Amino acid sequence: MGKTTLVLGASLKAERYGNMAVRRLRAMGHPVVAVGGRDGFIGDVEVTREIPEGAAPHTVTLYMNAQNQGPWEERILALHPARIIFNPGAENPALASRAQALRIEVVDGCTLVMLGSGQF
């Protein structure tokens, strides 16, 4: 079983990277929790507008800019994931610093590239 991954910024639009990440993670056997701006489904993964109660992701991968991350920061850190991936355009030095202080691994990278190259 793969690493449970919370995709924050999952989009129902197939051309968006958050959507591609959900599909690629599932194709590679990783359990996915998808949170986005609209309720719906990406394949077999339900997209909700809130992080489900009891979610315990290994990885949080962010597909929203730093400004939009603000309301989510405390919730992300409270999950105590093993790592947070800041995808291109989602870089947030303040959140990264807070995460590192909690011993959460911080990665500035692309989830899709990491999956494709075996670095996930």
Protein backbone atom coordinates (compact mmCIF):
# COMPACT_ATOMS: atom_id res chain seq x y z
CA MET A 1 0.00 0.00 0.00
CA GLY A 2 1.31 3.46 -0.88
CA LYS A 3 1.60 6.58 1.21
CA THR A 4 -1.72 8.26 2.01
CA THR A 5 -1.56 11.67 0.39
CA LEU A 6 -3.73 14.72 0.99
CA VAL A 7 -4.02 16.74 -2.21
CA LEU A 8 -4.97 20.24 -1.11
CA GLY A 9 -6.15 22.21 -4.09
CA ALA A 10 -7.58 19.25 -6.00
CA SER A 11 -9.56 20.46 -9.00
CA LEU A 12 -12.42 18.74 -10.80
CA LYS A 13 -10.96 20.11 -14.08
CA ALA A 14 -8.88 17.39 -15.74
CA GLU A 15 -6.31 19.85 -17.12
CA ARG A 16 -5.34 21.15 -13.65
CA TYR A 17 -2.24 19.77 -11.96
CA GLY A 18 -4.10 19.03 -8.73
CA ASN A 19 -6.44 16.77 -10.71
CA MET A 20 -3.53 15.11 -12.54
CA ALA A 21 -1.82 14.43 -9.21
CA VAL A 22 -4.91 12.71 -7.78
CA ARG A 23 -5.19 10.49 -10.86
CA ARG A 24 -1.45 9.66 -10.97
CA LEU A 25 -1.30 8.92 -7.23
CA ARG A 26 -4.27 6.54 -7.53
CA ALA A 27 -2.80 4.89 -10.64
CA MET A 28 0.36 4.19 -8.63
CA GLY A 29 -1.58 2.67 -5.72
CA HIS A 30 -1.46 5.55 -3.24
CA PRO A 31 -4.54 6.24 -1.10
CA VAL A 32 -5.68 9.84 -1.70
CA VAL A 33 -7.66 12.38 0.30
CA ALA A 34 -8.67 15.19 -2.07
CA VAL A 35 -9.73 18.64 -0.91
CA GLY A 36 -10.72 21.36 -3.33
CA GLY A 37 -13.05 24.25 -3.96
CA ARG A 38 -15.93 22.09 -5.18
CA ASP A 39 -17.40 18.76 -4.12
CA GLY A 40 -17.26 16.00 -6.69
CA PHE A 41 -15.15 13.09 -7.86
CA ILE A 42 -11.87 12.58 -9.66
CA GLY A 43 -12.20 8.98 -10.79
CA ASP A 44 -12.89 6.98 -7.64
CA VAL A 45 -11.66 9.71 -5.29
CA GLU A 46 -14.20 11.96 -3.62
CA VAL A 47 -13.24 15.63 -3.55
CA THR A 48 -14.53 17.53 -0.53
CA ARG A 49 -14.18 21.14 0.58
CA GLU A 50 -12.86 20.24 4.04
CA ILE A 51 -10.23 17.87 5.34
CA PRO A 52 -12.18 14.81 6.53
CA GLU A 53 -12.25 14.10 10.26
CA GLY A 54 -9.66 11.50 11.17
CA ALA A 55 -7.51 12.05 8.06
CA ALA A 56 -3.93 10.99 8.78
CA PRO A 57 -1.91 11.61 5.63
CA HIS A 58 1.74 10.73 5.29
CA THR A 59 2.13 13.52 2.74
CA VAL A 60 0.33 16.79 2.08
CA THR A 61 0.85 18.10 -1.45
CA LEU A 62 -0.20 21.68 -2.07
CA TYR A 63 -1.76 23.02 -5.26
CA MET A 64 -2.72 26.48 -4.05
CA ASN A 65 -0.69 29.65 -3.71
CA ALA A 66 0.64 30.89 -0.38
CA GLN A 67 -2.17 33.44 0.04
CA ASN A 68 -4.83 30.74 -0.34
CA GLN A 69 -2.97 28.45 2.06
CA GLY A 70 -3.50 30.88 4.96
CA PRO A 71 -6.83 29.48 6.19
CA TRP A 72 -5.42 25.93 5.94
CA GLU A 73 -2.06 26.35 7.68
CA GLU A 74 -3.12 25.38 11.21
CA ARG A 75 -5.12 22.41 9.91
CA ILE A 76 -2.19 21.19 7.80
CA LEU A 77 0.25 21.39 10.70
CA ALA A 78 -2.24 19.75 13.09
CA LEU A 79 -2.26 16.68 10.81
CA HIS A 80 1.46 16.14 11.59
CA PRO A 81 2.24 14.72 8.13
CA ALA A 82 5.69 13.27 7.51
CA ARG A 83 6.17 15.77 4.68
CA ILE A 84 4.64 18.67 2.82
CA ILE A 85 5.27 19.11 -0.90
CA PHE A 86 5.09 22.69 -2.18
CA ASN A 87 4.39 22.30 -5.89
CA PRO A 88 5.48 25.08 -8.30
CA GLY A 89 3.45 28.18 -7.50
CA ALA A 90 2.64 26.94 -3.99
CA GLU A 91 5.94 27.92 -2.36
CA ASN A 92 5.41 29.36 1.13
CA PRO A 93 8.59 30.04 3.15
CA ALA A 94 6.65 30.93 6.31
CA LEU A 95 4.64 27.69 6.34
CA ALA A 96 7.74 25.71 5.35
CA SER A 97 9.64 27.15 8.29
CA ARG A 98 6.83 26.35 10.72
CA ALA A 99 6.62 22.79 9.34
CA GLN A 100 10.37 22.25 9.67
CA ALA A 101 10.23 23.45 13.29
CA LEU A 102 7.75 20.59 13.86
CA ARG A 103 10.15 18.15 12.15
CA ILE A 104 7.97 17.84 9.06
CA GLU A 105 9.98 17.27 5.89
CA VAL A 106 9.52 20.13 3.42
CA VAL A 107 9.94 19.56 -0.31
CA ASP A 108 9.87 22.30 -2.93
CA GLY A 109 9.13 20.12 -5.92
CA CYS A 110 6.56 18.72 -8.27
CA THR A 111 4.53 15.73 -7.14
CA LEU A 112 4.03 14.60 -10.75
CA VAL A 113 7.77 14.68 -11.46
CA MET A 114 8.52 12.94 -8.17
CA LEU A 115 6.04 10.17 -9.00
CA GLY A 116 7.44 9.80 -12.52
CA SER A 117 11.04 9.58 -11.34
CA GLY A 118 10.48 7.27 -8.38
CA GLN A 119 11.31 9.96 -5.81
CA PHE A 120 7.86 10.01 -4.20
